[in-house]
Amino acid sequence: MSFNIEKYREIEGFIKKNNSKTKIVAISKNKKIEAVLEAISVGVRIFGENKVQEASEKFNNLKESHKDIELHLTGPLQTNKVKQALRLFDVFHILDRKKLADEFVKHEKLIQNKKFFIQVNLGMEETKSGIHPKECNDFINYCKNKLKLKVIGLMCIPPQNDDPTIYFKKLSSVAKENNLEELSMGMSQDFNKAIECGATYIRIGTSFFGERK
């Protein structure tokens, strides 16, 4: 499937209707460059990828030819890939453990203009990454004040079968408590609820590019 322009315009309209400043991250993981080029042609400039190598193959040249593209890492990152990731990605939604945070600050020159979301495992699911809620405030403080990372907000993926609104509101509450303004929450199936709860970034893949194969 190519890029679904109609769905993109529909979500843009929903954002406008709700007087929201939400930004759309088009999740292009596992999709061919042709679909990405189609998205670029209709004005998409923020993309999300999950794997460093795949993103590098797709976006190294694209970021040279389209200087306004902003690339977000939305999948888990191993510490041995941090340096490579910093050379390519602009925003990281995946700060989920002390070891990873410590690795980022080893690359002082590369992190100067990078932005970070701390991933919070609000559902405390064993199969998902993220800081547990009870540890969240301490981890935010560690990353912002000790490591001096540019933490701009929080990210979450609610449990699949629960009402996501509960988790979106909780994430918003934790962010306000820690003076963080950005919220990365909401995907194809629940972006509308996320926007209504104050999402500043929504991560849309399936609705734009079709189901993963």
N, C-alpha and C. Protein backbone atom coordinates (compact mmCIF):
# COMPACT_ATOMS: atom_id res chain seq x y z
N MET A 1 0.84 -1.20 0.00
CA MET A 1 0.00 0.00 0.00
C MET A 1 0.87 1.25 0.00
N SER A 2 0.48 2.25 -0.79
CA SER A 2 1.17 3.52 -0.78
C SER A 2 0.65 4.37 0.38
N PHE A 3 1.07 5.61 0.43
CA PHE A 3 0.66 6.49 1.52
C PHE A 3 -0.81 6.90 1.35
N ASN A 4 -1.58 6.82 2.44
CA ASN A 4 -3.01 7.14 2.42
C ASN A 4 -3.20 8.64 2.67
N ILE A 5 -3.26 9.38 1.59
CA ILE A 5 -3.37 10.84 1.69
C ILE A 5 -4.68 11.25 2.34
N GLU A 6 -5.76 10.53 2.00
CA GLU A 6 -7.09 10.88 2.54
C GLU A 6 -7.09 10.78 4.07
N LYS A 7 -6.47 9.73 4.60
CA LYS A 7 -6.43 9.56 6.05
C LYS A 7 -5.58 10.65 6.69
N TYR A 8 -4.51 11.02 6.03
CA TYR A 8 -3.65 12.08 6.54
C TYR A 8 -4.43 13.39 6.65
N ARG A 9 -5.18 13.74 5.61
CA ARG A 9 -5.99 14.96 5.63
C ARG A 9 -7.09 14.87 6.68
N GLU A 10 -7.65 13.68 6.85
CA GLU A 10 -8.70 13.48 7.86
C GLU A 10 -8.17 13.77 9.26
N ILE A 11 -6.99 13.25 9.57
CA ILE A 11 -6.40 13.47 10.90
C ILE A 11 -6.00 14.93 11.06
N GLU A 12 -5.48 15.53 10.01
CA GLU A 12 -5.18 16.96 10.05
C GLU A 12 -6.44 17.76 10.40
N GLY A 13 -7.56 17.37 9.78
CA GLY A 13 -8.83 18.04 10.04
C GLY A 13 -9.29 17.87 11.47
N PHE A 14 -9.12 16.66 12.02
CA PHE A 14 -9.50 16.40 13.41
C PHE A 14 -8.69 17.27 14.36
N ILE A 15 -7.40 17.39 14.08
CA ILE A 15 -6.52 18.23 14.91
C ILE A 15 -7.00 19.69 14.87
N LYS A 16 -7.29 20.16 13.68
CA LYS A 16 -7.74 21.55 13.52
C LYS A 16 -9.08 21.78 14.21
N LYS A 17 -9.98 20.82 14.08
CA LYS A 17 -11.31 20.92 14.70
C LYS A 17 -11.21 21.02 16.21
N ASN A 18 -10.22 20.36 16.78
CA ASN A 18 -10.04 20.36 18.23
C ASN A 18 -9.11 21.48 18.71
N ASN A 19 -8.82 22.42 17.80
CA ASN A 19 -7.94 23.55 18.14
C ASN A 19 -6.63 23.07 18.76
N SER A 20 -6.13 21.97 18.25
CA SER A 20 -4.93 21.36 18.81
C SER A 20 -3.70 21.72 17.99
N LYS A 21 -2.55 21.69 18.65
CA LYS A 21 -1.27 21.91 17.97
C LYS A 21 -0.52 20.59 17.79
N THR A 22 -1.25 19.50 17.89
CA THR A 22 -0.66 18.17 17.78
C THR A 22 0.09 18.00 16.46
N LYS A 23 1.27 17.41 16.54
CA LYS A 23 2.05 17.09 15.35
C LYS A 23 1.92 15.59 15.05
N ILE A 24 1.92 15.29 13.77
CA ILE A 24 1.77 13.90 13.32
C ILE A 24 3.14 13.32 12.98
N VAL A 25 3.47 12.19 13.61
CA VAL A 25 4.66 11.43 13.25
C VAL A 25 4.21 10.26 12.39
N ALA A 26 4.59 10.27 11.12
CA ALA A 26 4.23 9.18 10.20
C ALA A 26 5.21 8.03 10.40
N ILE A 27 4.71 6.92 10.93
CA ILE A 27 5.57 5.78 11.24
C ILE A 27 5.78 4.94 9.99
N SER A 28 6.98 5.05 9.44
CA SER A 28 7.27 4.44 8.13
C SER A 28 8.10 3.17 8.23
N LYS A 29 8.19 2.59 9.42
CA LYS A 29 8.97 1.36 9.60
C LYS A 29 8.41 0.25 8.70
N ASN A 30 9.30 -0.53 8.15
CA ASN A 30 8.95 -1.67 7.29
C ASN A 30 8.27 -1.26 5.99
N LYS A 31 8.32 0.04 5.67
CA LYS A 31 7.69 0.51 4.43
C LYS A 31 8.76 0.95 3.44
N LYS A 32 8.43 0.81 2.16
CA LYS A 32 9.39 1.12 1.10
C LYS A 32 9.54 2.63 0.94
N ILE A 33 10.66 3.01 0.38
CA ILE A 33 10.97 4.42 0.21
C ILE A 33 9.96 5.12 -0.70
N GLU A 34 9.34 4.35 -1.62
CA GLU A 34 8.36 4.96 -2.52
C GLU A 34 7.18 5.54 -1.74
N ALA A 35 6.75 4.84 -0.70
CA ALA A 35 5.64 5.33 0.13
C ALA A 35 6.07 6.56 0.93
N VAL A 36 7.31 6.57 1.38
CA VAL A 36 7.84 7.73 2.10
C VAL A 36 7.89 8.93 1.17
N LEU A 37 8.34 8.74 -0.06
CA LEU A 37 8.41 9.83 -1.03
C LEU A 37 7.03 10.39 -1.33
N GLU A 38 6.03 9.50 -1.38
CA GLU A 38 4.66 9.96 -1.61
C GLU A 38 4.19 10.81 -0.44
N ALA A 39 4.53 10.39 0.78
CA ALA A 39 4.17 11.17 1.97
C ALA A 39 4.84 12.55 1.93
N ILE A 40 6.10 12.58 1.56
CA ILE A 40 6.83 13.85 1.46
C ILE A 40 6.16 14.77 0.45
N SER A 41 5.68 14.20 -0.64
CA SER A 41 5.08 15.00 -1.72
C SER A 41 3.81 15.71 -1.28
N VAL A 42 3.14 15.21 -0.23
CA VAL A 42 1.91 15.87 0.24
C VAL A 42 2.15 16.69 1.52
N GLY A 43 3.42 16.84 1.87
CA GLY A 43 3.73 17.74 2.97
C GLY A 43 4.17 17.12 4.27
N VAL A 44 4.24 15.79 4.35
CA VAL A 44 4.69 15.15 5.59
C VAL A 44 6.19 15.40 5.77
N ARG A 45 6.57 15.85 6.96
CA ARG A 45 7.98 16.11 7.23
C ARG A 45 8.48 15.45 8.51
N ILE A 46 7.59 14.86 9.29
CA ILE A 46 8.02 14.17 10.52
C ILE A 46 7.76 12.67 10.34
N PHE A 47 8.81 11.89 10.39
CA PHE A 47 8.71 10.44 10.23
C PHE A 47 9.26 9.72 11.45
N GLY A 48 8.71 8.53 11.70
CA GLY A 48 9.19 7.69 12.80
C GLY A 48 9.66 6.35 12.29
N GLU A 49 10.79 5.91 12.78
CA GLU A 49 11.35 4.60 12.43
C GLU A 49 11.73 3.86 13.70
N ASN A 50 11.77 2.53 13.62
CA ASN A 50 12.04 1.71 14.79
C ASN A 50 13.44 1.10 14.82
N LYS A 51 14.08 1.03 13.66
CA LYS A 51 15.38 0.37 13.59
C LYS A 51 16.40 1.29 12.93
N VAL A 52 17.56 1.37 13.54
CA VAL A 52 18.59 2.30 13.08
C VAL A 52 19.04 1.97 11.66
N GLN A 53 19.31 0.70 11.39
CA GLN A 53 19.84 0.31 10.07
C GLN A 53 18.83 0.58 8.97
N GLU A 54 17.59 0.19 9.19
CA GLU A 54 16.54 0.42 8.18
C GLU A 54 16.35 1.92 7.94
N ALA A 55 16.32 2.69 9.01
CA ALA A 55 16.15 4.14 8.89
C ALA A 55 17.31 4.77 8.13
N SER A 56 18.51 4.28 8.39
CA SER A 56 19.69 4.80 7.72
C SER A 56 19.61 4.58 6.22
N GLU A 57 19.20 3.40 5.83
CA GLU A 57 19.10 3.07 4.40
C GLU A 57 18.05 3.93 3.70
N LYS A 58 16.98 4.28 4.41
CA LYS A 58 15.89 5.05 3.82
C LYS A 58 16.12 6.55 3.87
N PHE A 59 16.68 7.03 4.96
CA PHE A 59 16.64 8.47 5.22
C PHE A 59 17.97 9.21 5.12
N ASN A 60 19.08 8.52 5.02
CA ASN A 60 20.36 9.24 4.92
C ASN A 60 20.35 10.22 3.76
N ASN A 61 19.98 9.75 2.59
CA ASN A 61 19.95 10.62 1.41
C ASN A 61 18.76 11.57 1.44
N LEU A 62 17.63 11.09 1.93
CA LEU A 62 16.43 11.93 1.98
C LEU A 62 16.63 13.15 2.86
N LYS A 63 17.35 12.98 3.97
CA LYS A 63 17.58 14.11 4.87
C LYS A 63 18.57 15.11 4.27
N GLU A 64 19.36 14.67 3.32
CA GLU A 64 20.25 15.58 2.61
C GLU A 64 19.47 16.40 1.59
N SER A 65 18.53 15.75 0.92
CA SER A 65 17.76 16.44 -0.13
C SER A 65 16.56 17.19 0.42
N HIS A 66 16.11 16.83 1.63
CA HIS A 66 14.98 17.52 2.27
C HIS A 66 15.43 17.92 3.69
N LYS A 67 16.02 19.09 3.79
CA LYS A 67 16.63 19.51 5.05
C LYS A 67 15.62 19.70 6.18
N ASP A 68 14.33 19.81 5.83
CA ASP A 68 13.32 20.05 6.86
C ASP A 68 12.70 18.77 7.41
N ILE A 69 13.17 17.62 6.96
CA ILE A 69 12.67 16.35 7.52
C ILE A 69 13.18 16.19 8.95
N GLU A 70 12.26 15.79 9.83
CA GLU A 70 12.60 15.50 11.23
C GLU A 70 12.36 14.01 11.45
N LEU A 71 13.40 13.30 11.87
CA LEU A 71 13.30 11.85 12.02
C LEU A 71 13.27 11.47 13.50
N HIS A 72 12.27 10.69 13.87
CA HIS A 72 12.06 10.28 15.26
C HIS A 72 12.32 8.79 15.41
N LEU A 73 13.03 8.41 16.46
CA LEU A 73 13.20 6.99 16.78
C LEU A 73 12.09 6.59 17.74
N THR A 74 11.28 5.62 17.32
CA THR A 74 10.12 5.22 18.12
C THR A 74 10.18 3.76 18.56
N GLY A 75 11.29 3.10 18.29
CA GLY A 75 11.45 1.70 18.71
C GLY A 75 12.63 1.56 19.64
N PRO A 76 12.75 0.42 20.31
CA PRO A 76 13.81 0.21 21.31
C PRO A 76 15.21 0.34 20.72
N LEU A 77 16.12 0.82 21.56
CA LEU A 77 17.48 1.07 21.10
C LEU A 77 18.49 0.38 22.01
N GLN A 78 19.39 -0.38 21.39
CA GLN A 78 20.48 -1.00 22.14
C GLN A 78 21.59 0.03 22.34
N THR A 79 22.29 -0.07 23.45
CA THR A 79 23.31 0.93 23.76
C THR A 79 24.43 0.96 22.72
N ASN A 80 24.71 -0.18 22.08
CA ASN A 80 25.79 -0.19 21.09
C ASN A 80 25.39 0.47 19.77
N LYS A 81 24.13 0.87 19.65
CA LYS A 81 23.65 1.57 18.44
C LYS A 81 23.44 3.07 18.69
N VAL A 82 23.74 3.53 19.89
CA VAL A 82 23.43 4.92 20.26
C VAL A 82 24.16 5.92 19.37
N LYS A 83 25.45 5.73 19.17
CA LYS A 83 26.23 6.69 18.37
C LYS A 83 25.71 6.78 16.95
N GLN A 84 25.43 5.65 16.35
CA GLN A 84 24.88 5.62 15.00
C GLN A 84 23.51 6.30 14.95
N ALA A 85 22.70 6.04 15.97
CA ALA A 85 21.36 6.63 16.02
C ALA A 85 21.42 8.15 16.16
N LEU A 86 22.35 8.63 16.96
CA LEU A 86 22.48 10.08 17.17
C LEU A 86 22.88 10.81 15.89
N ARG A 87 23.57 10.13 15.01
CA ARG A 87 23.98 10.76 13.75
C ARG A 87 22.81 10.91 12.78
N LEU A 88 21.72 10.17 13.01
CA LEU A 88 20.61 10.15 12.06
C LEU A 88 19.32 10.75 12.60
N PHE A 89 18.97 10.41 13.83
CA PHE A 89 17.67 10.81 14.39
C PHE A 89 17.76 12.16 15.09
N ASP A 90 16.63 12.86 15.07
CA ASP A 90 16.53 14.18 15.71
C ASP A 90 15.84 14.11 17.07
N VAL A 91 14.88 13.20 17.19
CA VAL A 91 14.07 13.09 18.40
C VAL A 91 13.98 11.62 18.79
N PHE A 92 14.10 11.35 20.09
CA PHE A 92 14.07 9.97 20.60
C PHE A 92 12.89 9.81 21.56
N HIS A 93 12.01 8.86 21.24
CA HIS A 93 10.83 8.63 22.08
C HIS A 93 11.05 7.46 23.05
N ILE A 94 12.26 6.99 23.19
CA ILE A 94 12.51 5.66 23.74
C ILE A 94 13.47 5.64 24.94
N LEU A 95 13.58 6.75 25.64
CA LEU A 95 14.48 6.78 26.79
C LEU A 95 13.82 6.01 27.94
N ASP A 96 14.30 4.80 28.18
CA ASP A 96 13.54 3.89 29.05
C ASP A 96 14.37 3.24 30.16
N ARG A 97 15.65 3.63 30.30
CA ARG A 97 16.46 3.02 31.36
C ARG A 97 17.73 3.85 31.57
N LYS A 98 18.27 3.72 32.75
CA LYS A 98 19.46 4.50 33.15
C LYS A 98 20.65 4.19 32.25
N LYS A 99 20.85 2.93 31.93
CA LYS A 99 22.00 2.54 31.11
C LYS A 99 21.98 3.25 29.75
N LEU A 100 20.80 3.37 29.18
CA LEU A 100 20.67 4.04 27.88
C LEU A 100 20.93 5.55 28.02
N ALA A 101 20.37 6.14 29.06
CA ALA A 101 20.59 7.57 29.30
C ALA A 101 22.07 7.87 29.49
N ASP A 102 22.75 7.01 30.26
CA ASP A 102 24.18 7.19 30.51
C ASP A 102 24.98 7.09 29.21
N GLU A 103 24.53 6.22 28.31
CA GLU A 103 25.23 6.05 27.03
C GLU A 103 25.07 7.29 26.15
N PHE A 104 23.90 7.87 26.15
CA PHE A 104 23.67 9.06 25.34
C PHE A 104 24.64 10.19 25.71
N VAL A 105 24.84 10.41 27.00
CA VAL A 105 25.66 11.56 27.42
C VAL A 105 27.15 11.35 27.17
N LYS A 106 27.54 10.17 26.78
CA LYS A 106 28.94 9.94 26.41
C LYS A 106 29.28 10.64 25.09
N HIS A 107 28.26 11.00 24.34
CA HIS A 107 28.46 11.59 23.01
C HIS A 107 28.03 13.05 23.04
N GLU A 108 28.80 13.83 23.74
CA GLU A 108 28.45 15.22 24.05
C GLU A 108 28.16 16.06 22.82
N LYS A 109 29.00 15.94 21.80
CA LYS A 109 28.82 16.76 20.59
C LYS A 109 27.57 16.33 19.81
N LEU A 110 27.32 15.05 19.77
CA LEU A 110 26.21 14.53 18.97
C LEU A 110 24.84 14.80 19.59
N ILE A 111 24.77 14.97 20.91
CA ILE A 111 23.45 15.14 21.55
C ILE A 111 23.04 16.61 21.71
N GLN A 112 23.86 17.53 21.26
CA GLN A 112 23.60 18.95 21.52
C GLN A 112 22.22 19.42 21.08
N ASN A 113 21.76 18.99 19.92
CA ASN A 113 20.48 19.46 19.40
C ASN A 113 19.40 18.37 19.41
N LYS A 114 19.64 17.30 20.15
CA LYS A 114 18.69 16.19 20.18
C LYS A 114 17.65 16.37 21.29
N LYS A 115 16.46 15.85 21.04
CA LYS A 115 15.37 15.94 22.01
C LYS A 115 14.94 14.53 22.42
N PHE A 116 14.50 14.41 23.69
CA PHE A 116 14.20 13.09 24.24
C PHE A 116 12.83 13.05 24.93
N PHE A 117 12.12 11.96 24.68
CA PHE A 117 10.93 11.61 25.45
C PHE A 117 11.29 10.43 26.35
N ILE A 118 10.85 10.48 27.58
CA ILE A 118 11.00 9.32 28.47
C ILE A 118 9.78 8.42 28.30
N GLN A 119 10.03 7.16 28.01
CA GLN A 119 8.95 6.20 27.83
C GLN A 119 8.52 5.65 29.19
N VAL A 120 7.23 5.77 29.48
CA VAL A 120 6.68 5.34 30.76
C VAL A 120 5.79 4.13 30.55
N ASN A 121 6.05 3.07 31.29
CA ASN A 121 5.26 1.84 31.20
C ASN A 121 4.11 1.93 32.20
N LEU A 122 3.09 2.71 31.85
CA LEU A 122 1.99 2.98 32.78
C LEU A 122 1.20 1.73 33.13
N GLY A 123 1.11 0.80 32.18
CA GLY A 123 0.38 -0.45 32.44
C GLY A 123 1.22 -1.49 33.15
N MET A 124 2.49 -1.17 33.39
CA MET A 124 3.44 -2.07 34.06
C MET A 124 3.41 -3.46 33.41
N GLU A 125 3.44 -3.45 32.08
CA GLU A 125 3.41 -4.70 31.31
C GLU A 125 4.82 -5.25 31.14
N GLU A 126 4.98 -6.52 31.39
CA GLU A 126 6.30 -7.15 31.30
C GLU A 126 6.83 -7.18 29.87
N THR A 127 5.93 -7.16 28.89
CA THR A 127 6.34 -7.25 27.49
C THR A 127 6.71 -5.90 26.88
N LYS A 128 6.56 -4.83 27.65
CA LYS A 128 6.85 -3.50 27.12
C LYS A 128 7.98 -2.82 27.87
N SER A 129 8.70 -2.00 27.13
CA SER A 129 9.76 -1.20 27.73
C SER A 129 9.15 -0.01 28.46
N GLY A 130 9.98 0.67 29.22
CA GLY A 130 9.52 1.89 29.86
C GLY A 130 9.78 1.92 31.36
N ILE A 131 9.87 3.13 31.87
CA ILE A 131 10.06 3.34 33.30
C ILE A 131 8.74 3.08 34.02
N HIS A 132 8.80 2.38 35.14
CA HIS A 132 7.59 2.16 35.93
C HIS A 132 7.16 3.48 36.58
N PRO A 133 5.85 3.68 36.71
CA PRO A 133 5.34 4.95 37.23
C PRO A 133 5.98 5.41 38.55
N LYS A 134 6.21 4.49 39.47
CA LYS A 134 6.76 4.86 40.77
C LYS A 134 8.19 5.40 40.66
N GLU A 135 8.89 5.00 39.59
CA GLU A 135 10.28 5.42 39.41
C GLU A 135 10.40 6.62 38.47
N CYS A 136 9.28 7.05 37.94
CA CYS A 136 9.29 8.03 36.86
C CYS A 136 9.87 9.39 37.29
N ASN A 137 9.40 9.93 38.39
CA ASN A 137 9.86 11.25 38.82
C ASN A 137 11.36 11.28 39.06
N ASP A 138 11.87 10.23 39.71
CA ASP A 138 13.31 10.16 39.98
C ASP A 138 14.11 10.05 38.68
N PHE A 139 13.59 9.28 37.73
CA PHE A 139 14.30 9.10 36.45
C PHE A 139 14.30 10.39 35.63
N ILE A 140 13.17 11.08 35.63
CA ILE A 140 13.09 12.37 34.94
C ILE A 140 14.12 13.34 35.52
N ASN A 141 14.16 13.40 36.84
CA ASN A 141 15.10 14.28 37.53
C ASN A 141 16.55 13.91 37.19
N TYR A 142 16.84 12.61 37.16
CA TYR A 142 18.19 12.13 36.84
C TYR A 142 18.60 12.56 35.43
N CYS A 143 17.70 12.35 34.47
CA CYS A 143 18.02 12.66 33.07
C CYS A 143 18.14 14.16 32.83
N LYS A 144 17.24 14.92 33.43
CA LYS A 144 17.22 16.37 33.18
C LYS A 144 18.30 17.11 33.96
N ASN A 145 18.40 16.81 35.23
CA ASN A 145 19.23 17.62 36.11
C ASN A 145 20.66 17.10 36.30
N LYS A 146 20.82 15.79 36.33
CA LYS A 146 22.17 15.25 36.49
C LYS A 146 22.87 15.09 35.14
N LEU A 147 22.16 14.47 34.19
CA LEU A 147 22.78 14.22 32.89
C LEU A 147 22.65 15.40 31.93
N LYS A 148 21.70 16.31 32.23
CA LYS A 148 21.47 17.50 31.39
C LYS A 148 20.99 17.12 29.98
N LEU A 149 20.28 16.00 29.87
CA LEU A 149 19.67 15.65 28.59
C LEU A 149 18.47 16.57 28.33
N LYS A 150 18.22 16.85 27.08
CA LYS A 150 17.09 17.72 26.73
C LYS A 150 15.81 16.89 26.68
N VAL A 151 15.30 16.59 27.86
CA VAL A 151 14.05 15.83 27.97
C VAL A 151 12.89 16.81 27.78
N ILE A 152 12.10 16.59 26.72
CA ILE A 152 11.01 17.53 26.43
C ILE A 152 9.64 17.00 26.84
N GLY A 153 9.55 15.66 27.08
CA GLY A 153 8.24 15.13 27.41
C GLY A 153 8.24 13.65 27.71
N LEU A 154 7.04 13.09 27.76
CA LEU A 154 6.84 11.68 28.10
C LEU A 154 6.11 10.96 26.97
N MET A 155 6.37 9.67 26.87
CA MET A 155 5.73 8.83 25.86
C MET A 155 5.14 7.59 26.52
N CYS A 156 4.01 7.11 25.99
CA CYS A 156 3.45 5.85 26.50
C CYS A 156 2.75 5.09 25.39
N ILE A 157 2.62 3.77 25.61
CA ILE A 157 1.81 2.89 24.77
C ILE A 157 0.86 2.17 25.72
N PRO A 158 -0.42 2.54 25.76
CA PRO A 158 -1.36 1.92 26.71
C PRO A 158 -1.54 0.42 26.45
N PRO A 159 -1.93 -0.34 27.48
CA PRO A 159 -2.26 -1.75 27.28
C PRO A 159 -3.35 -1.90 26.22
N GLN A 160 -3.21 -2.89 25.39
CA GLN A 160 -4.03 -3.02 24.18
C GLN A 160 -5.53 -3.09 24.45
N ASN A 161 -5.93 -3.78 25.50
CA ASN A 161 -7.35 -4.03 25.72
C ASN A 161 -8.00 -3.12 26.77
N ASP A 162 -7.27 -2.12 27.22
CA ASP A 162 -7.80 -1.18 28.22
C ASP A 162 -8.23 0.12 27.54
N ASP A 163 -9.01 0.90 28.26
CA ASP A 163 -9.39 2.23 27.76
C ASP A 163 -8.15 3.12 27.80
N PRO A 164 -7.67 3.57 26.63
CA PRO A 164 -6.43 4.35 26.61
C PRO A 164 -6.53 5.69 27.31
N THR A 165 -7.76 6.22 27.42
CA THR A 165 -7.95 7.54 28.02
C THR A 165 -7.38 7.60 29.43
N ILE A 166 -7.54 6.52 30.19
CA ILE A 166 -7.03 6.46 31.57
C ILE A 166 -5.53 6.71 31.58
N TYR A 167 -4.83 6.09 30.64
CA TYR A 167 -3.37 6.18 30.59
C TYR A 167 -2.91 7.51 30.01
N PHE A 168 -3.65 8.03 29.05
CA PHE A 168 -3.30 9.33 28.49
C PHE A 168 -3.42 10.43 29.54
N LYS A 169 -4.47 10.36 30.34
CA LYS A 169 -4.66 11.36 31.40
C LYS A 169 -3.57 11.23 32.47
N LYS A 170 -3.20 10.00 32.78
CA LYS A 170 -2.15 9.76 33.77
C LYS A 170 -0.82 10.31 33.27
N LEU A 171 -0.50 10.06 32.00
CA LEU A 171 0.75 10.56 31.43
C LEU A 171 0.79 12.08 31.47
N SER A 172 -0.34 12.70 31.14
CA SER A 172 -0.44 14.16 31.18
C SER A 172 -0.19 14.69 32.58
N SER A 173 -0.74 13.99 33.56
CA SER A 173 -0.59 14.39 34.96
C SER A 173 0.88 14.31 35.41
N VAL A 174 1.55 13.22 35.05
CA VAL A 174 2.96 13.06 35.42
C VAL A 174 3.82 14.12 34.74
N ALA A 175 3.50 14.43 33.49
CA ALA A 175 4.25 15.45 32.75
C ALA A 175 4.11 16.82 33.42
N LYS A 176 2.90 17.18 33.79
CA LYS A 176 2.67 18.48 34.45
C LYS A 176 3.40 18.55 35.78
N GLU A 177 3.39 17.44 36.49
CA GLU A 177 4.06 17.36 37.79
C GLU A 177 5.57 17.64 37.65
N ASN A 178 6.11 17.30 36.49
CA ASN A 178 7.54 17.45 36.25
C ASN A 178 7.89 18.58 35.27
N ASN A 179 6.91 19.45 35.04
CA ASN A 179 7.11 20.62 34.16
C ASN A 179 7.58 20.23 32.76
N LEU A 180 6.97 19.18 32.22
CA LEU A 180 7.26 18.75 30.85
C LEU A 180 6.04 19.07 29.98
N GLU A 181 6.28 19.65 28.82
CA GLU A 181 5.18 20.14 28.00
C GLU A 181 4.74 19.18 26.90
N GLU A 182 5.61 18.27 26.49
CA GLU A 182 5.30 17.44 25.33
C GLU A 182 4.80 16.05 25.74
N LEU A 183 3.83 15.54 24.97
CA LEU A 183 3.25 14.21 25.22
C LEU A 183 3.20 13.44 23.91
N SER A 184 3.95 12.36 23.83
CA SER A 184 3.92 11.47 22.67
C SER A 184 3.00 10.30 23.01
N MET A 185 1.77 10.38 22.50
CA MET A 185 0.79 9.32 22.82
C MET A 185 -0.30 9.31 21.77
N GLY A 186 -0.81 8.11 21.52
CA GLY A 186 -1.85 7.95 20.52
C GLY A 186 -1.30 7.39 19.22
N MET A 187 -1.99 6.34 18.71
CA MET A 187 -1.61 5.72 17.44
C MET A 187 -2.86 5.62 16.57
N SER A 188 -2.79 4.81 15.53
CA SER A 188 -3.88 4.77 14.55
C SER A 188 -5.24 4.49 15.19
N GLN A 189 -5.25 3.63 16.20
CA GLN A 189 -6.53 3.19 16.77
C GLN A 189 -7.08 4.12 17.86
N ASP A 190 -6.25 5.03 18.37
CA ASP A 190 -6.73 5.84 19.51
C ASP A 190 -6.23 7.28 19.47
N PHE A 191 -5.79 7.74 18.30
CA PHE A 191 -5.23 9.09 18.21
C PHE A 191 -6.22 10.17 18.63
N ASN A 192 -7.51 9.94 18.33
CA ASN A 192 -8.52 10.95 18.66
C ASN A 192 -8.62 11.17 20.17
N LYS A 193 -8.59 10.09 20.92
CA LYS A 193 -8.63 10.20 22.38
C LYS A 193 -7.36 10.85 22.91
N ALA A 194 -6.24 10.53 22.28
CA ALA A 194 -4.97 11.11 22.71
C ALA A 194 -4.96 12.62 22.50
N ILE A 195 -5.47 13.04 21.36
CA ILE A 195 -5.52 14.49 21.06
C ILE A 195 -6.41 15.20 22.07
N GLU A 196 -7.54 14.58 22.38
CA GLU A 196 -8.46 15.18 23.36
C GLU A 196 -7.84 15.25 24.74
N CYS A 197 -6.84 14.39 25.01
CA CYS A 197 -6.16 14.39 26.31
C CYS A 197 -4.87 15.22 26.30
N GLY A 198 -4.62 15.91 25.19
CA GLY A 198 -3.48 16.83 25.16
C GLY A 198 -2.22 16.35 24.47
N ALA A 199 -2.33 15.29 23.66
CA ALA A 199 -1.14 14.80 22.94
C ALA A 199 -0.54 15.91 22.09
N THR A 200 0.77 16.05 22.12
CA THR A 200 1.44 17.01 21.24
C THR A 200 2.07 16.29 20.04
N TYR A 201 2.27 14.98 20.17
CA TYR A 201 2.72 14.15 19.05
C TYR A 201 1.88 12.87 19.04
N ILE A 202 1.35 12.52 17.87
CA ILE A 202 0.71 11.22 17.70
C ILE A 202 1.52 10.43 16.69
N ARG A 203 1.58 9.11 16.88
CA ARG A 203 2.43 8.25 16.05
C ARG A 203 1.53 7.36 15.18
N ILE A 204 1.41 7.70 13.91
CA ILE A 204 0.47 7.03 13.02
C ILE A 204 1.20 6.22 11.96
N GLY A 205 0.97 4.91 11.96
CA GLY A 205 1.59 4.05 10.96
C GLY A 205 0.58 3.34 10.09
N THR A 206 -0.21 2.45 10.71
CA THR A 206 -1.15 1.60 9.97
C THR A 206 -2.13 2.41 9.12
N SER A 207 -2.68 3.47 9.66
CA SER A 207 -3.67 4.26 8.93
C SER A 207 -3.09 4.92 7.69
N PHE A 208 -1.80 5.18 7.70
CA PHE A 208 -1.15 5.82 6.55
C PHE A 208 -0.56 4.83 5.57
N PHE A 209 0.07 3.79 6.09
CA PHE A 209 0.86 2.90 5.25
C PHE A 209 0.29 1.48 5.15
N GLY A 210 -0.81 1.20 5.85
CA GLY A 210 -1.39 -0.14 5.83
C GLY A 210 -0.81 -1.04 6.89
N GLU A 211 -1.39 -2.22 7.01
CA GLU A 211 -0.96 -3.19 8.02
C GLU A 211 0.46 -3.66 7.74
N ARG A 212 1.17 -3.95 8.84
CA ARG A 212 2.51 -4.53 8.68
C ARG A 212 2.41 -5.94 8.15
N LYS A 213 3.31 -6.29 7.28
CA LYS A 213 3.30 -7.65 6.71
C LYS A 213 4.27 -8.54 7.45
